[in-house]
């Protein structure tokens, strides 16, 4: 039985889901349940859950964005959450 050599694909490096501090903050807020997504329109919505916000702050303190201080990460979380409302602008 003759086998043909298997063609190897080049290794693909996985990219982080964020490139900026604000992107990191949004991902952290989503992961901790601070914000949800409108099922119909895709806008992010603030859940107004103080426990989730506290979890996000703790996560920001433990696992910072690369080359950022914990204080800068916490400030980025607060900045991003200020820009997210509790109602979808398209739902009315």
N, C-alpha and C. Protein backbone atom coordinates (compact mmCIF):
# COMPACT_ATOMS: atom_id res chain seq x y z
N UNK A 1 0.83 -1.17 0.00
CA UNK A 1 0.00 0.00 0.00
C UNK A 1 0.89 1.24 0.00
N UNK A 2 0.66 2.11 -0.95
CA UNK A 2 1.45 3.33 -1.06
C UNK A 2 0.66 4.46 -0.40
N UNK A 3 1.35 5.15 0.47
CA UNK A 3 0.68 6.29 1.13
C UNK A 3 1.27 7.58 0.59
N UNK A 4 0.44 8.54 0.48
CA UNK A 4 0.90 9.85 0.05
C UNK A 4 1.16 10.69 1.29
N UNK A 5 2.18 11.50 1.23
CA UNK A 5 2.46 12.34 2.40
C UNK A 5 1.29 13.30 2.65
N UNK A 6 0.98 13.45 3.90
CA UNK A 6 -0.12 14.33 4.27
C UNK A 6 0.35 15.78 4.23
N UNK A 7 -0.43 16.59 3.57
CA UNK A 7 -0.08 18.01 3.46
C UNK A 7 -0.35 18.71 4.78
N UNK A 8 0.62 19.41 5.27
CA UNK A 8 0.48 20.09 6.56
C UNK A 8 0.14 21.55 6.33
N UNK A 9 -0.83 22.01 7.08
CA UNK A 9 -1.21 23.41 7.01
C UNK A 9 -0.32 24.21 7.94
N UNK A 10 -0.08 25.46 7.60
CA UNK A 10 0.75 26.28 8.48
C UNK A 10 0.03 26.49 9.82
N UNK A 11 0.81 26.58 10.86
CA UNK A 11 0.24 26.82 12.18
C UNK A 11 -0.38 28.21 12.22
N UNK A 12 -1.57 28.26 12.74
CA UNK A 12 -2.22 29.55 12.89
C UNK A 12 -2.14 29.94 14.36
N UNK A 13 -1.71 31.16 14.59
CA UNK A 13 -1.66 31.64 15.95
C UNK A 13 -3.03 32.17 16.33
N UNK A 14 -3.43 31.89 17.53
CA UNK A 14 -4.72 32.39 17.97
C UNK A 14 -4.55 33.83 18.42
N UNK A 15 -5.50 34.64 18.00
CA UNK A 15 -5.46 36.04 18.35
C UNK A 15 -6.31 36.28 19.59
N UNK A 16 -5.89 37.15 20.44
CA UNK A 16 -6.70 37.49 21.59
C UNK A 16 -7.99 38.13 21.09
N UNK A 17 -9.08 37.99 21.83
CA UNK A 17 -10.34 38.56 21.38
C UNK A 17 -10.39 40.07 21.50
N UNK A 18 -9.33 40.68 21.98
CA UNK A 18 -9.30 42.13 22.16
C UNK A 18 -7.92 42.65 21.80
N UNK A 19 -7.90 43.87 21.35
CA UNK A 19 -6.62 44.51 21.00
C UNK A 19 -6.38 45.77 21.80
N UNK A 20 -7.43 46.31 22.37
CA UNK A 20 -7.32 47.56 23.13
C UNK A 20 -7.79 47.34 24.56
N UNK A 21 -7.48 48.28 25.41
CA UNK A 21 -7.92 48.21 26.80
C UNK A 21 -9.45 48.25 26.87
N UNK A 22 -10.08 49.04 26.00
CA UNK A 22 -11.54 49.12 25.99
C UNK A 22 -12.16 47.79 25.53
N UNK A 23 -11.55 47.15 24.56
CA UNK A 23 -12.03 45.85 24.11
C UNK A 23 -11.89 44.81 25.20
N UNK A 24 -10.78 44.85 25.91
CA UNK A 24 -10.57 43.94 27.04
C UNK A 24 -11.63 44.19 28.10
N UNK A 25 -11.93 45.46 28.38
CA UNK A 25 -12.92 45.80 29.39
C UNK A 25 -14.30 45.28 29.00
N UNK A 26 -14.67 45.42 27.73
CA UNK A 26 -15.97 44.94 27.28
C UNK A 26 -16.06 43.42 27.41
N UNK A 27 -15.02 42.71 27.03
CA UNK A 27 -15.01 41.24 27.16
C UNK A 27 -15.13 40.85 28.63
N UNK A 28 -14.44 41.54 29.51
CA UNK A 28 -14.51 41.25 30.93
C UNK A 28 -15.92 41.48 31.46
N UNK A 29 -16.55 42.58 31.04
CA UNK A 29 -17.92 42.86 31.48
C UNK A 29 -18.90 41.80 30.99
N UNK A 30 -18.71 41.34 29.79
CA UNK A 30 -19.59 40.29 29.24
C UNK A 30 -19.38 38.99 30.00
N UNK A 31 -18.12 38.61 30.20
CA UNK A 31 -17.81 37.35 30.88
C UNK A 31 -18.34 37.32 32.32
N UNK A 32 -18.34 38.46 32.98
CA UNK A 32 -18.80 38.52 34.37
C UNK A 32 -20.29 38.78 34.50
N UNK A 33 -20.99 38.90 33.38
CA UNK A 33 -22.44 39.07 33.41
C UNK A 33 -22.91 40.47 33.73
N UNK A 34 -22.05 41.46 33.57
CA UNK A 34 -22.43 42.84 33.82
C UNK A 34 -23.32 43.35 32.69
N UNK A 35 -23.00 42.96 31.47
CA UNK A 35 -23.79 43.38 30.32
C UNK A 35 -24.28 42.13 29.57
N UNK A 36 -25.41 42.31 28.90
CA UNK A 36 -25.95 41.27 28.04
C UNK A 36 -26.17 41.88 26.67
N UNK A 37 -26.56 41.06 25.73
CA UNK A 37 -26.77 41.52 24.37
C UNK A 37 -28.26 41.45 24.05
N UNK A 38 -28.80 42.49 23.41
CA UNK A 38 -30.18 42.48 22.95
C UNK A 38 -30.29 41.37 21.90
N UNK A 39 -31.23 40.45 22.10
CA UNK A 39 -31.35 39.31 21.20
C UNK A 39 -31.78 39.72 19.80
N UNK A 40 -32.52 40.81 19.69
CA UNK A 40 -33.03 41.22 18.39
C UNK A 40 -32.08 42.13 17.62
N UNK A 41 -31.35 42.99 18.33
CA UNK A 41 -30.56 44.01 17.64
C UNK A 41 -29.06 43.95 17.90
N UNK A 42 -28.65 43.22 18.93
CA UNK A 42 -27.23 43.07 19.20
C UNK A 42 -26.58 44.15 20.03
N UNK A 43 -27.34 45.13 20.51
CA UNK A 43 -26.77 46.17 21.37
C UNK A 43 -26.49 45.59 22.75
N UNK A 44 -25.44 46.09 23.40
CA UNK A 44 -25.14 45.65 24.75
C UNK A 44 -26.00 46.43 25.73
N UNK A 45 -26.46 45.72 26.77
CA UNK A 45 -27.34 46.30 27.77
C UNK A 45 -26.76 46.09 29.16
N UNK A 46 -26.83 47.12 29.98
CA UNK A 46 -26.37 47.05 31.37
C UNK A 46 -27.42 46.30 32.18
N UNK A 47 -27.02 45.26 32.89
CA UNK A 47 -27.94 44.48 33.71
C UNK A 47 -28.17 45.11 35.07
N UNK A 48 -27.39 46.12 35.44
CA UNK A 48 -27.51 46.81 36.73
C UNK A 48 -27.39 45.82 37.90
N UNK A 49 -26.43 44.93 37.80
CA UNK A 49 -26.19 43.93 38.83
C UNK A 49 -24.92 44.30 39.59
N UNK A 50 -25.06 44.81 40.84
CA UNK A 50 -23.87 45.23 41.58
C UNK A 50 -22.90 44.08 41.87
N UNK A 51 -23.42 42.88 42.09
CA UNK A 51 -22.53 41.74 42.34
C UNK A 51 -21.68 41.42 41.11
N UNK A 52 -22.28 41.49 39.93
CA UNK A 52 -21.54 41.25 38.69
C UNK A 52 -20.48 42.32 38.49
N UNK A 53 -20.82 43.56 38.80
CA UNK A 53 -19.81 44.63 38.68
C UNK A 53 -18.64 44.39 39.62
N UNK A 54 -18.94 43.96 40.83
CA UNK A 54 -17.86 43.66 41.78
C UNK A 54 -16.98 42.52 41.28
N UNK A 55 -17.60 41.50 40.70
CA UNK A 55 -16.82 40.39 40.13
C UNK A 55 -15.92 40.89 39.00
N UNK A 56 -16.45 41.80 38.17
CA UNK A 56 -15.66 42.34 37.06
C UNK A 56 -14.48 43.15 37.59
N UNK A 57 -14.70 43.93 38.63
CA UNK A 57 -13.59 44.70 39.22
C UNK A 57 -12.52 43.78 39.79
N UNK A 58 -12.96 42.72 40.47
CA UNK A 58 -12.00 41.76 41.02
C UNK A 58 -11.21 41.07 39.91
N UNK A 59 -11.90 40.71 38.85
CA UNK A 59 -11.23 40.08 37.70
C UNK A 59 -10.23 41.04 37.06
N UNK A 60 -10.61 42.30 36.97
CA UNK A 60 -9.71 43.32 36.40
C UNK A 60 -8.47 43.48 37.28
N UNK A 61 -8.64 43.35 38.55
CA UNK A 61 -7.50 43.49 39.47
C UNK A 61 -6.56 42.30 39.36
N UNK A 62 -7.15 41.08 39.18
CA UNK A 62 -6.33 39.87 39.12
C UNK A 62 -5.71 39.63 37.75
N UNK A 63 -6.47 39.89 36.69
CA UNK A 63 -6.02 39.57 35.32
C UNK A 63 -6.10 40.81 34.44
N UNK A 64 -5.09 41.64 34.56
CA UNK A 64 -5.09 42.90 33.84
C UNK A 64 -4.81 42.73 32.35
N UNK A 65 -5.18 43.75 31.62
CA UNK A 65 -4.80 43.87 30.22
C UNK A 65 -3.27 43.97 30.19
N UNK A 66 -2.63 43.35 29.20
CA UNK A 66 -1.16 43.39 29.15
C UNK A 66 -0.61 44.82 29.19
N UNK A 67 0.36 45.02 30.03
CA UNK A 67 1.06 46.29 30.20
C UNK A 67 0.17 47.41 30.74
N UNK A 68 -0.89 47.07 31.45
CA UNK A 68 -1.76 48.07 32.07
C UNK A 68 -1.80 47.80 33.58
N UNK A 69 -1.97 48.86 34.34
CA UNK A 69 -2.05 48.73 35.78
C UNK A 69 -3.46 48.29 36.18
N UNK A 70 -3.61 47.73 37.36
CA UNK A 70 -4.95 47.38 37.83
C UNK A 70 -5.89 48.59 37.90
N UNK A 71 -5.35 49.75 38.29
CA UNK A 71 -6.17 50.96 38.36
C UNK A 71 -6.64 51.38 36.97
N UNK A 72 -5.77 51.27 35.98
CA UNK A 72 -6.16 51.62 34.61
C UNK A 72 -7.22 50.65 34.09
N UNK A 73 -7.10 49.40 34.46
CA UNK A 73 -8.09 48.40 34.02
C UNK A 73 -9.45 48.66 34.65
N UNK A 74 -9.45 48.98 35.93
CA UNK A 74 -10.70 49.29 36.62
C UNK A 74 -11.33 50.55 36.03
N UNK A 75 -10.52 51.55 35.74
CA UNK A 75 -11.03 52.78 35.14
C UNK A 75 -11.61 52.50 33.75
N UNK A 76 -10.99 51.61 32.99
CA UNK A 76 -11.51 51.25 31.67
C UNK A 76 -12.86 50.55 31.79
N UNK A 77 -13.01 49.68 32.80
CA UNK A 77 -14.30 49.03 33.02
C UNK A 77 -15.39 50.07 33.26
N UNK A 78 -15.10 51.01 34.14
CA UNK A 78 -16.08 52.05 34.47
C UNK A 78 -16.40 52.91 33.26
N UNK A 79 -15.39 53.20 32.46
CA UNK A 79 -15.60 54.03 31.27
C UNK A 79 -16.50 53.31 30.26
N UNK A 80 -16.26 52.03 30.06
CA UNK A 80 -17.06 51.26 29.10
C UNK A 80 -18.50 51.12 29.59
N UNK A 81 -18.68 50.83 30.87
CA UNK A 81 -20.03 50.63 31.39
C UNK A 81 -20.84 51.93 31.36
N UNK A 82 -20.18 53.08 31.49
CA UNK A 82 -20.89 54.36 31.39
C UNK A 82 -21.48 54.57 30.00
N UNK A 83 -20.88 53.97 28.99
CA UNK A 83 -21.35 54.13 27.63
C UNK A 83 -22.42 53.13 27.21
N UNK A 84 -22.84 52.25 28.15
CA UNK A 84 -23.83 51.23 27.84
C UNK A 84 -25.09 51.52 28.63
N UNK A 85 -26.22 51.59 27.94
CA UNK A 85 -27.49 51.86 28.60
C UNK A 85 -28.19 50.60 29.06
N UNK A 86 -29.32 50.79 29.72
CA UNK A 86 -30.07 49.63 30.20
C UNK A 86 -31.24 49.25 29.31
N UNK A 87 -31.43 50.01 28.23
CA UNK A 87 -32.46 49.67 27.26
C UNK A 87 -31.86 49.72 25.86
N UNK A 88 -32.39 48.89 24.97
CA UNK A 88 -31.92 48.85 23.60
C UNK A 88 -32.48 50.06 22.85
N UNK A 89 -31.63 50.82 22.18
CA UNK A 89 -32.13 52.00 21.45
C UNK A 89 -33.05 51.63 20.29
N UNK A 90 -32.93 50.44 19.75
CA UNK A 90 -33.78 50.04 18.62
C UNK A 90 -35.10 49.41 19.06
N UNK A 91 -35.14 48.90 20.29
CA UNK A 91 -36.37 48.28 20.77
C UNK A 91 -37.39 49.34 21.20
N UNK A 92 -36.91 50.53 21.51
CA UNK A 92 -37.85 51.60 21.88
C UNK A 92 -37.79 51.94 23.26
